[in-house]
């Protein structure tokens, strides 16, 4: 039994995904696989604001919702990988895979980026 499919028309966002290889180069820079465009997802931004004595921190994070029935390519994204959303670069902090209720098949993935 399949769960409810998300209407592809609701998934108006996209991002560029740079998968972390787990390796570094000779200059100790992290290495990433060639970027790919991921389409048909939903991205919600959350911004927090902290004021300290002499500084102001504006921290923007986002949750990216990807669905097996609509997002292309749909894959199990990796933590520490980079995503570019509307010209801004973020790092994947957490990956939340959700499976179909009566099988082990992936239904959706949420990415927490910051």
N, C-alpha and C. Protein backbone atom coordinates (compact mmCIF):
# COMPACT_ATOMS: atom_id res chain seq x y z
N UNK A 1 0.84 -1.19 0.00
CA UNK A 1 0.00 0.00 0.00
C UNK A 1 0.88 1.25 0.00
N UNK A 2 0.68 2.12 -0.94
CA UNK A 2 1.42 3.36 -1.04
C UNK A 2 0.73 4.46 -0.24
N UNK A 3 1.53 5.34 0.32
CA UNK A 3 0.95 6.47 1.04
C UNK A 3 0.57 7.57 0.07
N UNK A 4 0.02 8.60 0.58
CA UNK A 4 -0.40 9.74 -0.22
C UNK A 4 0.79 10.32 -0.99
N UNK A 5 0.59 10.60 -2.27
CA UNK A 5 1.63 11.25 -3.07
C UNK A 5 1.46 12.76 -2.97
N UNK A 6 2.57 13.44 -2.94
CA UNK A 6 2.57 14.90 -2.87
C UNK A 6 2.39 15.45 -4.28
N UNK A 7 1.55 16.47 -4.40
CA UNK A 7 1.32 17.10 -5.69
C UNK A 7 2.60 17.80 -6.15
N UNK A 8 3.10 17.40 -7.30
CA UNK A 8 4.36 17.94 -7.83
C UNK A 8 4.28 19.46 -8.02
N UNK A 9 3.10 20.00 -8.26
CA UNK A 9 2.93 21.45 -8.43
C UNK A 9 3.24 22.23 -7.16
N UNK A 10 3.20 21.58 -6.01
CA UNK A 10 3.50 22.25 -4.74
C UNK A 10 5.00 22.35 -4.51
N UNK A 11 5.78 21.58 -5.26
CA UNK A 11 7.22 21.49 -5.03
C UNK A 11 7.94 22.39 -6.03
N UNK A 12 8.00 23.67 -5.70
CA UNK A 12 8.46 24.68 -6.65
C UNK A 12 9.94 25.04 -6.48
N UNK A 13 10.61 24.43 -5.52
CA UNK A 13 12.00 24.80 -5.24
C UNK A 13 12.98 23.79 -5.84
N UNK A 14 14.24 24.20 -5.89
CA UNK A 14 15.32 23.34 -6.34
C UNK A 14 16.60 23.79 -5.65
N UNK A 15 17.61 22.93 -5.67
CA UNK A 15 18.91 23.29 -5.09
C UNK A 15 20.02 22.54 -5.81
N UNK A 16 21.23 23.01 -5.62
CA UNK A 16 22.41 22.35 -6.16
C UNK A 16 23.03 21.55 -5.01
N UNK A 17 23.31 20.27 -5.26
CA UNK A 17 23.83 19.36 -4.24
C UNK A 17 25.27 18.99 -4.57
N UNK A 18 26.15 19.18 -3.59
CA UNK A 18 27.56 18.80 -3.70
C UNK A 18 27.85 17.77 -2.61
N UNK A 19 27.91 16.51 -3.00
CA UNK A 19 28.06 15.43 -2.02
C UNK A 19 29.48 15.37 -1.46
N UNK A 20 29.55 15.31 -0.14
CA UNK A 20 30.83 15.20 0.57
C UNK A 20 31.39 13.79 0.38
N UNK A 21 32.68 13.70 0.03
CA UNK A 21 33.31 12.40 -0.23
C UNK A 21 33.87 11.77 1.04
N UNK A 22 34.03 12.56 2.10
CA UNK A 22 34.68 12.05 3.31
C UNK A 22 36.19 12.15 3.24
N UNK A 23 36.69 12.78 2.18
CA UNK A 23 38.14 12.89 1.97
C UNK A 23 38.55 14.35 1.89
N UNK A 24 39.84 14.60 2.07
CA UNK A 24 40.39 15.94 1.91
C UNK A 24 41.54 15.89 0.92
N UNK A 25 41.87 17.05 0.35
CA UNK A 25 43.00 17.12 -0.57
C UNK A 25 44.29 17.38 0.23
N UNK A 26 45.38 17.61 -0.46
CA UNK A 26 46.67 17.80 0.21
C UNK A 26 46.74 19.10 1.01
N UNK A 27 45.79 20.01 0.77
CA UNK A 27 45.72 21.27 1.53
C UNK A 27 44.68 21.19 2.64
N UNK A 28 44.23 19.96 2.91
CA UNK A 28 43.25 19.69 3.96
C UNK A 28 41.88 20.32 3.67
N UNK A 29 41.57 20.54 2.39
CA UNK A 29 40.26 21.03 1.98
C UNK A 29 39.35 19.84 1.70
N UNK A 30 38.11 19.90 2.18
CA UNK A 30 37.17 18.81 1.96
C UNK A 30 36.86 18.67 0.47
N UNK A 31 36.70 17.42 0.03
CA UNK A 31 36.43 17.13 -1.38
C UNK A 31 34.97 16.75 -1.57
N UNK A 32 34.40 17.21 -2.69
CA UNK A 32 33.00 16.97 -3.01
C UNK A 32 32.88 16.42 -4.42
N UNK A 33 31.85 15.62 -4.65
CA UNK A 33 31.54 15.10 -5.99
C UNK A 33 30.98 16.26 -6.81
N UNK A 34 31.07 16.17 -8.13
CA UNK A 34 30.54 17.22 -9.02
C UNK A 34 29.09 17.54 -8.66
N UNK A 35 28.72 18.82 -8.71
CA UNK A 35 27.37 19.23 -8.30
C UNK A 35 26.28 18.69 -9.24
N UNK A 36 25.11 18.43 -8.63
CA UNK A 36 23.93 18.05 -9.40
C UNK A 36 22.76 18.93 -8.98
N UNK A 37 21.86 19.17 -9.91
CA UNK A 37 20.65 19.96 -9.63
C UNK A 37 19.55 19.02 -9.16
N UNK A 38 18.95 19.36 -8.01
CA UNK A 38 17.84 18.58 -7.46
C UNK A 38 16.59 19.44 -7.61
N UNK A 39 15.57 18.91 -8.30
CA UNK A 39 14.36 19.66 -8.61
C UNK A 39 13.15 19.07 -7.92
N UNK A 40 12.10 19.89 -7.83
CA UNK A 40 10.80 19.49 -7.28
C UNK A 40 10.90 19.13 -5.80
N UNK A 41 11.30 20.12 -5.02
CA UNK A 41 11.34 19.97 -3.57
C UNK A 41 10.71 21.21 -2.95
N UNK A 42 10.59 21.21 -1.64
CA UNK A 42 10.04 22.36 -0.90
C UNK A 42 11.09 22.80 0.10
N UNK A 43 11.38 24.09 0.12
CA UNK A 43 12.38 24.63 1.04
C UNK A 43 11.74 25.70 1.90
N UNK A 44 11.82 25.52 3.21
CA UNK A 44 11.31 26.49 4.18
C UNK A 44 12.48 27.05 4.97
N UNK A 45 12.58 28.37 5.02
CA UNK A 45 13.67 29.03 5.73
C UNK A 45 13.26 29.43 7.14
N UNK A 46 14.23 29.37 8.05
CA UNK A 46 14.05 29.80 9.43
C UNK A 46 15.23 30.70 9.74
N UNK A 47 14.97 31.89 10.24
CA UNK A 47 16.04 32.83 10.56
C UNK A 47 15.98 33.17 12.04
N UNK A 48 17.14 33.13 12.68
CA UNK A 48 17.21 33.52 14.09
C UNK A 48 18.15 34.71 14.21
N UNK A 49 17.90 35.51 15.21
CA UNK A 49 18.62 36.76 15.41
C UNK A 49 19.09 36.82 16.86
N UNK A 50 20.41 37.00 17.06
CA UNK A 50 20.95 37.09 18.41
C UNK A 50 21.79 38.36 18.52
N UNK A 51 21.53 39.12 19.56
CA UNK A 51 22.31 40.33 19.80
C UNK A 51 23.15 40.11 21.06
N UNK A 52 24.45 40.38 20.93
CA UNK A 52 25.35 40.37 22.07
C UNK A 52 25.90 41.77 22.23
N UNK A 53 26.74 41.99 23.22
CA UNK A 53 27.23 43.34 23.50
C UNK A 53 27.71 44.08 22.25
N UNK A 54 28.63 43.48 21.54
CA UNK A 54 29.26 44.19 20.41
C UNK A 54 29.00 43.54 19.06
N UNK A 55 28.08 42.58 19.00
CA UNK A 55 27.86 41.92 17.71
C UNK A 55 26.40 41.48 17.57
N UNK A 56 26.07 41.25 16.33
CA UNK A 56 24.73 40.75 16.00
C UNK A 56 24.93 39.54 15.09
N UNK A 57 24.31 38.43 15.45
CA UNK A 57 24.37 37.22 14.65
C UNK A 57 23.02 36.96 14.00
N UNK A 58 23.02 36.86 12.70
CA UNK A 58 21.81 36.52 11.95
C UNK A 58 22.07 35.14 11.35
N UNK A 59 21.45 34.12 11.90
CA UNK A 59 21.68 32.74 11.50
C UNK A 59 20.48 32.24 10.71
N UNK A 60 20.70 31.94 9.44
CA UNK A 60 19.62 31.42 8.61
C UNK A 60 19.82 29.93 8.40
N UNK A 61 18.76 29.19 8.62
CA UNK A 61 18.75 27.75 8.38
C UNK A 61 17.56 27.44 7.50
N UNK A 62 17.52 26.21 7.00
CA UNK A 62 16.39 25.81 6.17
C UNK A 62 16.11 24.33 6.36
N UNK A 63 14.88 23.95 6.06
CA UNK A 63 14.49 22.55 5.98
C UNK A 63 14.12 22.30 4.52
N UNK A 64 14.72 21.28 3.94
CA UNK A 64 14.44 20.91 2.56
C UNK A 64 13.65 19.60 2.58
N UNK A 65 12.48 19.60 1.95
CA UNK A 65 11.62 18.43 1.90
C UNK A 65 11.72 17.81 0.50
N UNK A 66 12.13 16.55 0.44
CA UNK A 66 12.26 15.81 -0.82
C UNK A 66 11.34 14.59 -0.77
N UNK A 67 10.69 14.28 -1.90
CA UNK A 67 9.70 13.19 -1.95
C UNK A 67 10.03 12.22 -3.07
N UNK A 68 9.97 10.94 -2.76
CA UNK A 68 10.30 9.90 -3.75
C UNK A 68 9.42 10.01 -5.00
N UNK A 69 8.18 10.42 -4.84
CA UNK A 69 7.25 10.47 -5.96
C UNK A 69 7.45 11.67 -6.88
N UNK A 70 8.29 12.64 -6.47
CA UNK A 70 8.38 13.87 -7.27
C UNK A 70 9.78 14.44 -7.41
N UNK A 71 10.59 14.37 -6.38
CA UNK A 71 11.92 15.00 -6.39
C UNK A 71 12.85 14.21 -7.31
N UNK A 72 13.59 14.95 -8.16
CA UNK A 72 14.56 14.30 -9.05
C UNK A 72 15.90 15.01 -8.98
N UNK A 73 16.98 14.30 -8.83
CA UNK A 73 17.01 12.90 -8.44
C UNK A 73 16.67 12.75 -6.96
N UNK A 74 16.04 11.66 -6.62
CA UNK A 74 15.71 11.36 -5.22
C UNK A 74 16.74 10.35 -4.72
N UNK A 75 17.45 10.73 -3.66
CA UNK A 75 18.49 9.86 -3.13
C UNK A 75 18.65 10.12 -1.64
N UNK A 76 19.37 9.26 -0.97
CA UNK A 76 19.65 9.45 0.45
C UNK A 76 20.84 10.40 0.54
N UNK A 77 20.57 11.67 0.79
CA UNK A 77 21.60 12.69 0.83
C UNK A 77 22.49 12.49 2.06
N UNK A 78 23.73 12.99 2.00
CA UNK A 78 24.70 12.77 3.07
C UNK A 78 24.91 14.02 3.91
N UNK A 79 25.08 13.79 5.23
CA UNK A 79 25.47 14.89 6.12
C UNK A 79 26.83 15.42 5.68
N UNK A 80 27.08 16.68 6.00
CA UNK A 80 28.31 17.41 5.69
C UNK A 80 28.44 17.77 4.21
N UNK A 81 27.46 17.34 3.40
CA UNK A 81 27.46 17.75 1.99
C UNK A 81 26.99 19.20 1.93
N UNK A 82 27.23 19.85 0.81
CA UNK A 82 26.85 21.24 0.61
C UNK A 82 25.64 21.34 -0.30
N UNK A 83 24.79 22.31 -0.02
CA UNK A 83 23.68 22.63 -0.91
C UNK A 83 23.70 24.12 -1.18
N UNK A 84 23.40 24.47 -2.41
CA UNK A 84 23.29 25.88 -2.79
C UNK A 84 21.83 26.16 -3.07
N UNK A 85 21.27 27.10 -2.31
CA UNK A 85 19.87 27.46 -2.42
C UNK A 85 19.78 28.95 -2.71
N UNK A 86 19.25 29.30 -3.88
CA UNK A 86 19.09 30.70 -4.28
C UNK A 86 20.38 31.50 -4.07
N UNK A 87 21.51 30.91 -4.49
CA UNK A 87 22.80 31.60 -4.44
C UNK A 87 23.52 31.55 -3.10
N UNK A 88 22.91 30.99 -2.08
CA UNK A 88 23.54 30.87 -0.76
C UNK A 88 23.97 29.43 -0.51
N UNK A 89 25.16 29.25 0.08
CA UNK A 89 25.68 27.92 0.35
C UNK A 89 25.38 27.52 1.78
N UNK A 90 24.89 26.30 1.97
CA UNK A 90 24.58 25.74 3.28
C UNK A 90 25.21 24.35 3.38
N UNK A 91 25.32 23.86 4.61
CA UNK A 91 25.81 22.51 4.84
C UNK A 91 24.68 21.67 5.42
N UNK A 92 24.59 20.42 4.99
CA UNK A 92 23.57 19.52 5.54
C UNK A 92 24.00 19.11 6.94
N UNK A 93 23.16 19.44 7.91
CA UNK A 93 23.44 19.15 9.31
C UNK A 93 22.80 17.83 9.74
N UNK A 94 21.55 17.62 9.32
CA UNK A 94 20.82 16.41 9.69
C UNK A 94 20.04 15.90 8.49
N UNK A 95 19.90 14.57 8.42
CA UNK A 95 19.13 13.92 7.37
C UNK A 95 18.08 13.04 8.05
N UNK A 96 16.81 13.27 7.71
CA UNK A 96 15.71 12.51 8.29
C UNK A 96 15.01 11.71 7.19
N UNK A 97 15.31 10.41 7.05
CA UNK A 97 14.60 9.59 6.07
C UNK A 97 13.29 9.07 6.66
N UNK A 98 12.24 9.11 5.86
CA UNK A 98 10.93 8.58 6.27
C UNK A 98 10.53 7.49 5.29
N UNK A 99 10.05 6.38 5.82
CA UNK A 99 9.71 5.22 5.00
C UNK A 99 8.21 5.02 4.91
N UNK A 100 7.80 4.29 3.88
CA UNK A 100 6.38 3.92 3.74
C UNK A 100 5.96 3.16 5.00
N UNK A 101 4.70 3.32 5.45
CA UNK A 101 4.27 2.69 6.69
C UNK A 101 4.37 1.17 6.70
N UNK A 102 4.15 0.51 5.57
CA UNK A 102 4.12 -0.94 5.56
C UNK A 102 5.25 -1.56 4.75
N UNK A 103 6.32 -0.79 4.53
CA UNK A 103 7.48 -1.33 3.81
C UNK A 103 8.72 -0.53 4.22
N UNK A 104 9.84 -0.94 3.67
CA UNK A 104 11.09 -0.23 3.96
C UNK A 104 11.42 0.79 2.87
N UNK A 105 10.52 0.98 1.93
CA UNK A 105 10.73 1.89 0.82
C UNK A 105 10.71 3.34 1.30
N UNK A 106 11.69 4.13 0.86
CA UNK A 106 11.74 5.54 1.25
C UNK A 106 10.55 6.29 0.66
N UNK A 107 9.91 7.10 1.48
CA UNK A 107 8.80 7.93 1.04
C UNK A 107 9.26 9.39 0.90
N UNK A 108 10.01 9.88 1.90
CA UNK A 108 10.50 11.26 1.83
C UNK A 108 11.78 11.39 2.65
N UNK A 109 12.46 12.49 2.42
CA UNK A 109 13.67 12.83 3.18
C UNK A 109 13.60 14.31 3.52
N UNK A 110 13.88 14.63 4.77
CA UNK A 110 14.01 16.02 5.19
C UNK A 110 15.47 16.30 5.47
N UNK A 111 15.94 17.43 4.97
CA UNK A 111 17.32 17.85 5.20
C UNK A 111 17.31 19.12 6.03
N UNK A 112 18.03 19.11 7.13
CA UNK A 112 18.21 20.34 7.92
C UNK A 112 19.56 20.91 7.50
N UNK A 113 19.52 22.14 7.00
CA UNK A 113 20.76 22.77 6.52
C UNK A 113 20.99 24.09 7.25
N UNK A 114 22.23 24.45 7.38
CA UNK A 114 22.57 25.70 8.06
C UNK A 114 23.92 26.19 7.65
